[in-house]
All heavy atoms as atom14 arrays in JSON, in Angstrom:
{
  "sequence": "ILRSVVAHALDYDAGVLPCRLVLPYTGRIDEAVRRVAARTFGATAAEL",
  "atom14_mask": [
    [1, 1, 1, 1, 1, 1, 1, 1, 0, 0, 0, 0, 0, 0],
    [1, 1, 1, 1, 1, 1, 1, 1, 0, 0, 0, 0, 0, 0],
    [1, 1, 1, 1, 1, 1, 1, 1, 1, 1, 1, 0, 0, 0],
    [1, 1, 1, 1, 1, 1, 0, 0, 0, 0, 0, 0, 0, 0],
    [1, 1, 1, 1, 1, 1, 1, 0, 0, 0, 0, 0, 0, 0],
    [1, 1, 1, 1, 1, 1, 1, 0, 0, 0, 0, 0, 0, 0],
    [1, 1, 1, 1, 1, 0, 0, 0, 0, 0, 0, 0, 0, 0],
    [1, 1, 1, 1, 1, 1, 1, 1, 1, 1, 0, 0, 0, 0],
    [1, 1, 1, 1, 1, 0, 0, 0, 0, 0, 0, 0, 0, 0],
    [1, 1, 1, 1, 1, 1, 1, 1, 0, 0, 0, 0, 0, 0],
    [1, 1, 1, 1, 1, 1, 1, 1, 0, 0, 0, 0, 0, 0],
    [1, 1, 1, 1, 1, 1, 1, 1, 1, 1, 1, 1, 0, 0],
    [1, 1, 1, 1, 1, 1, 1, 1, 0, 0, 0, 0, 0, 0],
    [1, 1, 1, 1, 1, 0, 0, 0, 0, 0, 0, 0, 0, 0],
    [1, 1, 1, 1, 0, 0, 0, 0, 0, 0, 0, 0, 0, 0],
    [1, 1, 1, 1, 1, 1, 1, 0, 0, 0, 0, 0, 0, 0],
    [1, 1, 1, 1, 1, 1, 1, 1, 0, 0, 0, 0, 0, 0],
    [1, 1, 1, 1, 1, 1, 1, 0, 0, 0, 0, 0, 0, 0],
    [1, 1, 1, 1, 1, 1, 0, 0, 0, 0, 0, 0, 0, 0],
    [1, 1, 1, 1, 1, 1, 1, 1, 1, 1, 1, 0, 0, 0],
    [1, 1, 1, 1, 1, 1, 1, 1, 0, 0, 0, 0, 0, 0],
    [1, 1, 1, 1, 1, 1, 1, 0, 0, 0, 0, 0, 0, 0],
    [1, 1, 1, 1, 1, 1, 1, 1, 0, 0, 0, 0, 0, 0],
    [1, 1, 1, 1, 1, 1, 1, 0, 0, 0, 0, 0, 0, 0],
    [1, 1, 1, 1, 1, 1, 1, 1, 1, 1, 1, 1, 0, 0],
    [1, 1, 1, 1, 1, 1, 1, 0, 0, 0, 0, 0, 0, 0],
    [1, 1, 1, 1, 0, 0, 0, 0, 0, 0, 0, 0, 0, 0],
    [1, 1, 1, 1, 1, 1, 1, 1, 1, 1, 1, 0, 0, 0],
    [1, 1, 1, 1, 1, 1, 1, 1, 0, 0, 0, 0, 0, 0],
    [1, 1, 1, 1, 1, 1, 1, 1, 0, 0, 0, 0, 0, 0],
    [1, 1, 1, 1, 1, 1, 1, 1, 1, 0, 0, 0, 0, 0],
    [1, 1, 1, 1, 1, 0, 0, 0, 0, 0, 0, 0, 0, 0],
    [1, 1, 1, 1, 1, 1, 1, 0, 0, 0, 0, 0, 0, 0],
    [1, 1, 1, 1, 1, 1, 1, 1, 1, 1, 1, 0, 0, 0],
    [1, 1, 1, 1, 1, 1, 1, 1, 1, 1, 1, 0, 0, 0],
    [1, 1, 1, 1, 1, 1, 1, 0, 0, 0, 0, 0, 0, 0],
    [1, 1, 1, 1, 1, 0, 0, 0, 0, 0, 0, 0, 0, 0],
    [1, 1, 1, 1, 1, 0, 0, 0, 0, 0, 0, 0, 0, 0],
    [1, 1, 1, 1, 1, 1, 1, 1, 1, 1, 1, 0, 0, 0],
    [1, 1, 1, 1, 1, 1, 1, 0, 0, 0, 0, 0, 0, 0],
    [1, 1, 1, 1, 1, 1, 1, 1, 1, 1, 1, 0, 0, 0],
    [1, 1, 1, 1, 0, 0, 0, 0, 0, 0, 0, 0, 0, 0],
    [1, 1, 1, 1, 1, 0, 0, 0, 0, 0, 0, 0, 0, 0],
    [1, 1, 1, 1, 1, 1, 1, 0, 0, 0, 0, 0, 0, 0],
    [1, 1, 1, 1, 1, 0, 0, 0, 0, 0, 0, 0, 0, 0],
    [1, 1, 1, 1, 1, 0, 0, 0, 0, 0, 0, 0, 0, 0],
    [1, 1, 1, 1, 1, 1, 1, 1, 1, 0, 0, 0, 0, 0],
    [1, 1, 1, 1, 1, 1, 1, 1, 0, 0, 0, 0, 0, 0]
  ],
  "atom14_positions": [
    [[154.04, 127.42, 116.77], [153.55, 128.8, 116.59], [152.39, 128.81, 115.63], [151.39, 129.5, 115.86], [154.7, 129.71, 116.08], [155.77, 129.83, 117.17], [154.17, 131.08, 115.69], [157.05, 130.47, 116.68], [0.0, 0.0, 0.0], [0.0, 0.0, 0.0], [0.0, 0.0, 0.0], [0.0, 0.0, 0.0], [0.0, 0.0, 0.0], [0.0, 0.0, 0.0]],
    [[152.48, 128.03, 114.56], [151.39, 127.95, 113.57], [150.12, 127.45, 114.25], [149.04, 128.01, 114.07], [151.79, 127.01, 112.45], [150.85, 126.89, 111.27], [150.84, 128.2, 110.48], [151.25, 125.74, 110.38], [0.0, 0.0, 0.0], [0.0, 0.0, 0.0], [0.0, 0.0, 0.0], [0.0, 0.0, 0.0], [0.0, 0.0, 0.0], [0.0, 0.0, 0.0]],
    [[150.26, 126.4, 115.06], [149.12, 125.78, 115.73], [148.5, 126.69, 116.78], [147.28, 126.82, 116.87], [149.57, 124.46, 116.38], [148.5, 123.79, 117.22], [148.96, 122.49, 117.85], [150.17, 122.64, 118.64], [151.35, 122.07, 118.35], [151.46, 121.3, 117.3], [152.4, 122.24, 119.11], [0.0, 0.0, 0.0], [0.0, 0.0, 0.0], [0.0, 0.0, 0.0]],
    [[149.33, 127.34, 117.58], [148.79, 128.09, 118.72], [148.52, 129.57, 118.44], [147.72, 130.17, 119.16], [149.73, 127.96, 119.92], [151.0, 128.48, 119.61], [0.0, 0.0, 0.0], [0.0, 0.0, 0.0], [0.0, 0.0, 0.0], [0.0, 0.0, 0.0], [0.0, 0.0, 0.0], [0.0, 0.0, 0.0], [0.0, 0.0, 0.0], [0.0, 0.0, 0.0]],
    [[149.12, 130.15, 117.43], [148.94, 131.58, 117.19], [148.18, 131.82, 115.88], [147.11, 132.43, 115.88], [150.3, 132.33, 117.2], [150.09, 133.81, 116.89], [151.02, 132.16, 118.52], [0.0, 0.0, 0.0], [0.0, 0.0, 0.0], [0.0, 0.0, 0.0], [0.0, 0.0, 0.0], [0.0, 0.0, 0.0], [0.0, 0.0, 0.0], [0.0, 0.0, 0.0]],
    [[148.77, 131.36, 114.76], [148.14, 131.7, 113.48], [146.78, 131.06, 113.33], [145.82, 131.74, 112.94], [149.09, 131.27, 112.31], [148.45, 131.57, 110.97], [150.45, 131.96, 112.43], [0.0, 0.0, 0.0], [0.0, 0.0, 0.0], [0.0, 0.0, 0.0], [0.0, 0.0, 0.0], [0.0, 0.0, 0.0], [0.0, 0.0, 0.0], [0.0, 0.0, 0.0]],
    [[146.66, 129.79, 113.61], [145.37, 129.08, 113.41], [144.28, 129.64, 114.35], [143.1, 129.53, 114.07], [145.53, 127.59, 113.65], [0.0, 0.0, 0.0], [0.0, 0.0, 0.0], [0.0, 0.0, 0.0], [0.0, 0.0, 0.0], [0.0, 0.0, 0.0], [0.0, 0.0, 0.0], [0.0, 0.0, 0.0], [0.0, 0.0, 0.0], [0.0, 0.0, 0.0]],
    [[144.69, 130.28, 115.44], [143.73, 130.8, 116.41], [143.63, 132.32, 116.37], [143.14, 132.94, 117.32], [144.1, 130.34, 117.83], [143.88, 128.89, 118.02], [142.64, 128.35, 118.34], [144.72, 127.83, 117.93], [142.75, 127.04, 118.45], [144.01, 126.7, 118.19], [0.0, 0.0, 0.0], [0.0, 0.0, 0.0], [0.0, 0.0, 0.0], [0.0, 0.0, 0.0]],
    [[144.1, 132.94, 115.31], [144.16, 134.41, 115.23], [142.77, 135.05, 115.31], [142.64, 136.18, 115.76], [144.83, 134.83, 113.93], [0.0, 0.0, 0.0], [0.0, 0.0, 0.0], [0.0, 0.0, 0.0], [0.0, 0.0, 0.0], [0.0, 0.0, 0.0], [0.0, 0.0, 0.0], [0.0, 0.0, 0.0], [0.0, 0.0, 0.0], [0.0, 0.0, 0.0]],
    [[141.74, 134.34, 114.9], [140.4, 134.92, 114.87], [139.51, 134.42, 116.0], [138.3, 134.66, 115.98], [139.74, 134.66, 113.52], [140.47, 135.24, 112.32], [139.73, 134.9, 111.03], [140.66, 136.72, 112.46], [0.0, 0.0, 0.0], [0.0, 0.0, 0.0], [0.0, 0.0, 0.0], [0.0, 0.0, 0.0], [0.0, 0.0, 0.0], [0.0, 0.0, 0.0]],
    [[140.06, 133.76, 116.98], [139.25, 133.2, 118.07], [138.48, 134.28, 118.81], [137.3, 134.1, 119.12], [140.11, 132.42, 119.05], [140.52, 131.05, 118.53], [140.21, 130.76, 117.37], [141.16, 130.31, 119.28], [0.0, 0.0, 0.0], [0.0, 0.0, 0.0], [0.0, 0.0, 0.0], [0.0, 0.0, 0.0], [0.0, 0.0, 0.0], [0.0, 0.0, 0.0]],
    [[139.14, 135.38, 119.15], [138.45, 136.42, 119.88], [137.28, 136.97, 119.05], [136.17, 137.1, 119.52], [139.4, 137.57, 120.25], [138.66, 138.76, 120.81], [138.17, 138.72, 122.11], [138.38, 139.87, 120.03], [137.45, 139.8, 122.64], [137.67, 140.95, 120.55], [137.2, 140.9, 121.85], [136.49, 141.94, 122.35], [0.0, 0.0, 0.0], [0.0, 0.0, 0.0]],
    [[137.57, 137.27, 117.79], [136.53, 137.81, 116.9], [135.37, 136.82, 116.77], [134.23, 137.21, 116.73], [137.11, 138.12, 115.54], [138.21, 139.17, 115.62], [137.9, 140.33, 115.94], [139.39, 138.82, 115.41], [0.0, 0.0, 0.0], [0.0, 0.0, 0.0], [0.0, 0.0, 0.0], [0.0, 0.0, 0.0], [0.0, 0.0, 0.0], [0.0, 0.0, 0.0]],
    [[135.71, 135.54, 116.69], [134.68, 134.51, 116.54], [133.8, 134.42, 117.75], [132.62, 134.03, 117.65], [135.33, 133.16, 116.26], [0.0, 0.0, 0.0], [0.0, 0.0, 0.0], [0.0, 0.0, 0.0], [0.0, 0.0, 0.0], [0.0, 0.0, 0.0], [0.0, 0.0, 0.0], [0.0, 0.0, 0.0], [0.0, 0.0, 0.0], [0.0, 0.0, 0.0]],
    [[134.33, 134.75, 118.92], [133.53, 134.7, 120.13], [132.62, 135.88, 120.32], [131.62, 135.78, 121.01], [0.0, 0.0, 0.0], [0.0, 0.0, 0.0], [0.0, 0.0, 0.0], [0.0, 0.0, 0.0], [0.0, 0.0, 0.0], [0.0, 0.0, 0.0], [0.0, 0.0, 0.0], [0.0, 0.0, 0.0], [0.0, 0.0, 0.0], [0.0, 0.0, 0.0]],
    [[132.94, 137.02, 119.7], [132.13, 138.23, 119.94], [131.39, 138.74, 118.72], [130.49, 139.55, 118.85], [133.02, 139.36, 120.52], [133.59, 138.97, 121.86], [134.1, 139.78, 119.56], [0.0, 0.0, 0.0], [0.0, 0.0, 0.0], [0.0, 0.0, 0.0], [0.0, 0.0, 0.0], [0.0, 0.0, 0.0], [0.0, 0.0, 0.0], [0.0, 0.0, 0.0]],
    [[131.75, 138.27, 117.54], [131.11, 138.73, 116.32], [130.3, 137.61, 115.69], [130.65, 136.44, 115.85], [132.16, 139.2, 115.3], [133.01, 140.41, 115.67], [134.09, 140.61, 114.62], [132.15, 141.66, 115.81], [0.0, 0.0, 0.0], [0.0, 0.0, 0.0], [0.0, 0.0, 0.0], [0.0, 0.0, 0.0], [0.0, 0.0, 0.0], [0.0, 0.0, 0.0]],
    [[129.24, 137.93, 114.96], [128.5, 136.89, 114.25], [129.4, 136.17, 113.24], [130.29, 136.79, 112.65], [127.4, 137.66, 113.54], [127.3, 138.96, 114.26], [128.65, 139.26, 114.8], [0.0, 0.0, 0.0], [0.0, 0.0, 0.0], [0.0, 0.0, 0.0], [0.0, 0.0, 0.0], [0.0, 0.0, 0.0], [0.0, 0.0, 0.0], [0.0, 0.0, 0.0]],
    [[129.15, 134.9, 113.06], [129.94, 134.09, 112.11], [129.97, 134.72, 110.7], [130.96, 134.64, 110.01], [129.4, 132.68, 112.03], [129.79, 131.69, 113.46], [0.0, 0.0, 0.0], [0.0, 0.0, 0.0], [0.0, 0.0, 0.0], [0.0, 0.0, 0.0], [0.0, 0.0, 0.0], [0.0, 0.0, 0.0], [0.0, 0.0, 0.0], [0.0, 0.0, 0.0]],
    [[128.85, 135.35, 110.31], [128.77, 135.89, 108.95], [129.81, 137.0, 108.73], [130.17, 137.27, 107.59], [127.37, 136.38, 108.65], [126.95, 137.59, 109.41], [125.55, 138.04, 109.03], [125.13, 139.15, 109.88], [124.56, 139.03, 111.06], [124.31, 137.82, 111.54], [124.24, 140.08, 111.77], [0.0, 0.0, 0.0], [0.0, 0.0, 0.0], [0.0, 0.0, 0.0]],
    [[130.3, 137.62, 109.8], [131.32, 138.64, 109.64], [132.73, 138.05, 109.63], [133.61, 138.59, 108.98], [131.23, 139.67, 110.8], [130.05, 140.61, 110.79], [130.12, 141.52, 111.99], [130.01, 141.42, 109.52], [0.0, 0.0, 0.0], [0.0, 0.0, 0.0], [0.0, 0.0, 0.0], [0.0, 0.0, 0.0], [0.0, 0.0, 0.0], [0.0, 0.0, 0.0]],
    [[132.91, 136.95, 110.36], [134.27, 136.4, 110.53], [134.59, 135.34, 109.46], [135.71, 135.3, 108.95], [134.43, 135.83, 111.95], [135.83, 135.29, 112.16], [134.09, 136.87, 113.01], [0.0, 0.0, 0.0], [0.0, 0.0, 0.0], [0.0, 0.0, 0.0], [0.0, 0.0, 0.0], [0.0, 0.0, 0.0], [0.0, 0.0, 0.0], [0.0, 0.0, 0.0]],
    [[133.63, 134.49, 109.11], [133.91, 133.39, 108.18], [134.49, 133.8, 106.84], [135.36, 133.1, 106.33], [132.64, 132.57, 107.95], [132.34, 131.53, 109.04], [130.99, 130.88, 108.79], [133.42, 130.49, 109.14], [0.0, 0.0, 0.0], [0.0, 0.0, 0.0], [0.0, 0.0, 0.0], [0.0, 0.0, 0.0], [0.0, 0.0, 0.0], [0.0, 0.0, 0.0]],
    [[134.09, 134.93, 106.25], [134.7, 135.29, 104.96], [136.22, 135.5, 105.05], [136.92, 135.44, 104.04], [133.99, 136.59, 104.59], [132.71, 136.54, 105.29], [132.99, 135.82, 106.58], [0.0, 0.0, 0.0], [0.0, 0.0, 0.0], [0.0, 0.0, 0.0], [0.0, 0.0, 0.0], [0.0, 0.0, 0.0], [0.0, 0.0, 0.0], [0.0, 0.0, 0.0]],
    [[136.75, 135.75, 106.24], [138.18, 136.02, 106.39], [138.99, 134.78, 106.75], [140.2, 134.83, 106.8], [138.4, 137.11, 107.45], [137.79, 138.41, 106.98], [136.5, 138.74, 107.32], [138.5, 139.26, 106.15], [135.92, 139.91, 106.86], [137.93, 140.42, 105.67], [136.63, 140.74, 106.03], [136.05, 141.89, 105.57], [0.0, 0.0, 0.0], [0.0, 0.0, 0.0]],
    [[138.32, 133.68, 107.03], [139.03, 132.48, 107.44], [139.73, 131.8, 106.26], [140.73, 131.13, 106.49], [138.08, 131.46, 108.12], [137.05, 131.08, 107.2], [137.49, 132.03, 109.38], [0.0, 0.0, 0.0], [0.0, 0.0, 0.0], [0.0, 0.0, 0.0], [0.0, 0.0, 0.0], [0.0, 0.0, 0.0], [0.0, 0.0, 0.0], [0.0, 0.0, 0.0]],
    [[139.23, 131.95, 105.07], [139.82, 131.27, 103.91], [141.28, 131.62, 103.69], [142.1, 130.76, 103.44], [0.0, 0.0, 0.0], [0.0, 0.0, 0.0], [0.0, 0.0, 0.0], [0.0, 0.0, 0.0], [0.0, 0.0, 0.0], [0.0, 0.0, 0.0], [0.0, 0.0, 0.0], [0.0, 0.0, 0.0], [0.0, 0.0, 0.0], [0.0, 0.0, 0.0]],
    [[141.6, 132.88, 103.82], [142.99, 133.32, 103.61], [143.91, 132.74, 104.68], [145.03, 132.3, 104.38], [143.07, 134.84, 103.61], [142.39, 135.46, 102.39], [142.32, 136.98, 102.45], [143.64, 137.55, 102.53], [143.87, 138.77, 103.02], [142.88, 139.51, 103.45], [145.1, 139.23, 103.06], [0.0, 0.0, 0.0], [0.0, 0.0, 0.0], [0.0, 0.0, 0.0]],
    [[143.44, 132.7, 105.91], [144.26, 132.13, 106.97], [144.34, 130.63, 106.82], [145.38, 130.03, 107.03], [143.7, 132.55, 108.36], [143.83, 134.06, 108.53], [144.48, 131.83, 109.48], [143.25, 134.59, 109.81], [0.0, 0.0, 0.0], [0.0, 0.0, 0.0], [0.0, 0.0, 0.0], [0.0, 0.0, 0.0], [0.0, 0.0, 0.0], [0.0, 0.0, 0.0]],
    [[143.22, 129.98, 106.42], [143.23, 128.54, 106.14], [144.34, 128.19, 105.13], [145.1, 127.25, 105.32], [141.9, 128.07, 105.56], [140.82, 127.86, 106.6], [141.12, 127.86, 107.8], [139.66, 127.69, 106.18], [0.0, 0.0, 0.0], [0.0, 0.0, 0.0], [0.0, 0.0, 0.0], [0.0, 0.0, 0.0], [0.0, 0.0, 0.0], [0.0, 0.0, 0.0]],
    [[144.4, 128.96, 104.05], [145.4, 128.71, 103.0], [146.8, 128.88, 103.54], [147.7, 128.08, 103.22], [145.15, 129.62, 101.8], [143.9, 129.3, 101.03], [143.57, 130.35, 99.98], [144.46, 131.19, 99.68], [142.44, 130.32, 99.47], [0.0, 0.0, 0.0], [0.0, 0.0, 0.0], [0.0, 0.0, 0.0], [0.0, 0.0, 0.0], [0.0, 0.0, 0.0]],
    [[147.02, 129.94, 104.32], [148.36, 130.2, 104.88], [148.76, 129.07, 105.84], [149.9, 128.59, 105.79], [148.38, 131.54, 105.59], [0.0, 0.0, 0.0], [0.0, 0.0, 0.0], [0.0, 0.0, 0.0], [0.0, 0.0, 0.0], [0.0, 0.0, 0.0], [0.0, 0.0, 0.0], [0.0, 0.0, 0.0], [0.0, 0.0, 0.0], [0.0, 0.0, 0.0]],
    [[147.85, 128.66, 106.68], [148.13, 127.59, 107.64], [148.45, 126.29, 106.87], [149.43, 125.6, 107.19], [146.94, 127.38, 108.6], [147.04, 126.06, 109.36], [146.83, 128.54, 109.57], [0.0, 0.0, 0.0], [0.0, 0.0, 0.0], [0.0, 0.0, 0.0], [0.0, 0.0, 0.0], [0.0, 0.0, 0.0], [0.0, 0.0, 0.0], [0.0, 0.0, 0.0]],
    [[147.66, 125.99, 105.87], [147.87, 124.77, 105.09], [149.23, 124.82, 104.36], [149.95, 123.82, 104.32], [146.72, 124.61, 104.11], [146.64, 123.3, 103.43], [145.35, 123.26, 102.61], [145.27, 122.08, 101.83], [144.57, 121.01, 102.17], [143.9, 121.0, 103.27], [144.54, 119.96, 101.39], [0.0, 0.0, 0.0], [0.0, 0.0, 0.0], [0.0, 0.0, 0.0]],
    [[149.58, 125.98, 103.83], [150.84, 126.13, 103.09], [152.03, 125.9, 104.02], [152.95, 125.14, 103.69], [150.91, 127.53, 102.44], [152.16, 127.75, 101.62], [152.26, 129.15, 101.04], [152.48, 130.13, 102.12], [151.63, 131.06, 102.5], [150.46, 131.17, 101.9], [151.9, 131.9, 103.48], [0.0, 0.0, 0.0], [0.0, 0.0, 0.0], [0.0, 0.0, 0.0]],
    [[152.02, 126.54, 105.19], [153.16, 126.41, 106.12], [153.21, 124.99, 106.69], [154.26, 124.39, 106.79], [153.06, 127.46, 107.24], [154.18, 127.25, 108.26], [153.14, 128.87, 106.66], [0.0, 0.0, 0.0], [0.0, 0.0, 0.0], [0.0, 0.0, 0.0], [0.0, 0.0, 0.0], [0.0, 0.0, 0.0], [0.0, 0.0, 0.0], [0.0, 0.0, 0.0]],
    [[152.04, 124.44, 107.04], [152.02, 123.08, 107.57], [152.53, 122.08, 106.54], [153.25, 121.12, 106.89], [150.62, 122.72, 108.03], [0.0, 0.0, 0.0], [0.0, 0.0, 0.0], [0.0, 0.0, 0.0], [0.0, 0.0, 0.0], [0.0, 0.0, 0.0], [0.0, 0.0, 0.0], [0.0, 0.0, 0.0], [0.0, 0.0, 0.0], [0.0, 0.0, 0.0]],
    [[152.16, 122.27, 105.29], [152.63, 121.37, 104.23], [154.15, 121.42, 104.12], [154.81, 120.38, 103.91], [151.99, 121.72, 102.9], [0.0, 0.0, 0.0], [0.0, 0.0, 0.0], [0.0, 0.0, 0.0], [0.0, 0.0, 0.0], [0.0, 0.0, 0.0], [0.0, 0.0, 0.0], [0.0, 0.0, 0.0], [0.0, 0.0, 0.0], [0.0, 0.0, 0.0]],
    [[154.7, 122.6, 104.3], [156.16, 122.72, 104.21], [156.84, 121.94, 105.33], [157.95, 121.44, 105.15], [156.58, 124.17, 104.24], [158.02, 124.34, 103.8], [158.48, 125.78, 103.82], [158.0, 126.55, 102.71], [158.68, 126.81, 101.6], [159.89, 126.3, 101.46], [158.19, 127.57, 100.67], [0.0, 0.0, 0.0], [0.0, 0.0, 0.0], [0.0, 0.0, 0.0]],
    [[156.18, 121.8, 106.48], [156.78, 120.98, 107.55], [156.84, 119.52, 107.14], [157.64, 118.76, 107.66], [156.02, 121.11, 108.88], [154.7, 120.6, 108.74], [155.98, 122.55, 109.36], [0.0, 0.0, 0.0], [0.0, 0.0, 0.0], [0.0, 0.0, 0.0], [0.0, 0.0, 0.0], [0.0, 0.0, 0.0], [0.0, 0.0, 0.0], [0.0, 0.0, 0.0]],
    [[155.98, 119.12, 106.2], [156.03, 117.75, 105.63], [157.02, 117.68, 104.49], [157.22, 116.61, 103.95], [154.65, 117.36, 105.06], [153.63, 116.98, 106.08], [152.57, 117.81, 106.35], [153.7, 115.78, 106.75], [151.61, 117.47, 107.27], [152.75, 115.41, 107.67], [151.68, 116.27, 107.94], [0.0, 0.0, 0.0], [0.0, 0.0, 0.0], [0.0, 0.0, 0.0]],
    [[157.58, 118.81, 104.1], [158.48, 118.83, 102.94], [157.73, 118.81, 101.63], [158.2, 118.29, 100.64], [0.0, 0.0, 0.0], [0.0, 0.0, 0.0], [0.0, 0.0, 0.0], [0.0, 0.0, 0.0], [0.0, 0.0, 0.0], [0.0, 0.0, 0.0], [0.0, 0.0, 0.0], [0.0, 0.0, 0.0], [0.0, 0.0, 0.0], [0.0, 0.0, 0.0]],
    [[156.54, 119.37, 101.62], [155.69, 119.38, 100.41], [155.06, 120.77, 100.23], [155.25, 121.67, 101.05], [154.59, 118.32, 100.54], [0.0, 0.0, 0.0], [0.0, 0.0, 0.0], [0.0, 0.0, 0.0], [0.0, 0.0, 0.0], [0.0, 0.0, 0.0], [0.0, 0.0, 0.0], [0.0, 0.0, 0.0], [0.0, 0.0, 0.0], [0.0, 0.0, 0.0]],
    [[154.29, 120.89, 99.17], [153.5, 122.1, 98.98], [152.06, 121.75, 99.36], [151.71, 120.57, 99.43], [153.53, 122.6, 97.53], [152.93, 121.62, 96.7], [154.95, 122.87, 97.07], [0.0, 0.0, 0.0], [0.0, 0.0, 0.0], [0.0, 0.0, 0.0], [0.0, 0.0, 0.0], [0.0, 0.0, 0.0], [0.0, 0.0, 0.0], [0.0, 0.0, 0.0]],
    [[151.25, 122.77, 99.57], [149.85, 122.53, 99.96], [149.12, 121.71, 98.9], [148.29, 120.85, 99.24], [149.13, 123.86, 100.2], [0.0, 0.0, 0.0], [0.0, 0.0, 0.0], [0.0, 0.0, 0.0], [0.0, 0.0, 0.0], [0.0, 0.0, 0.0], [0.0, 0.0, 0.0], [0.0, 0.0, 0.0], [0.0, 0.0, 0.0], [0.0, 0.0, 0.0]],
    [[149.41, 121.94, 97.64], [148.75, 121.2, 96.57], [149.16, 119.72, 96.55], [148.4, 118.88, 96.08], [149.08, 121.83, 95.22], [0.0, 0.0, 0.0], [0.0, 0.0, 0.0], [0.0, 0.0, 0.0], [0.0, 0.0, 0.0], [0.0, 0.0, 0.0], [0.0, 0.0, 0.0], [0.0, 0.0, 0.0], [0.0, 0.0, 0.0], [0.0, 0.0, 0.0]],
    [[150.35, 119.42, 97.08], [150.85, 118.06, 97.06], [150.35, 117.2, 98.24], [150.55, 115.99, 98.25], [152.38, 118.04, 97.07], [153.03, 118.62, 95.85], [154.53, 118.77, 95.98], [155.05, 118.74, 97.12], [155.18, 118.94, 94.94], [0.0, 0.0, 0.0], [0.0, 0.0, 0.0], [0.0, 0.0, 0.0], [0.0, 0.0, 0.0], [0.0, 0.0, 0.0]],
    [[149.7, 117.85, 99.21], [149.23, 117.08, 100.37], [148.15, 116.11, 99.95], [147.18, 116.48, 99.29], [148.66, 118.01, 101.43], [149.62, 118.77, 102.3], [148.86, 119.62, 103.32], [150.59, 117.87, 103.02], [0.0, 0.0, 0.0], [0.0, 0.0, 0.0], [0.0, 0.0, 0.0], [0.0, 0.0, 0.0], [0.0, 0.0, 0.0], [0.0, 0.0, 0.0]]
  ]
}
């Protein structure tokens, strides 16, 4: 679910909007994806 839904949440926007509008919002999703993915390793994002 993380791979196919959360990480791709902005795909539509990225296809129709200029990058300068979408890129500022990717950081928060990047952090969330990294945090959840790290937990699948049994770690925190900082410990990766």
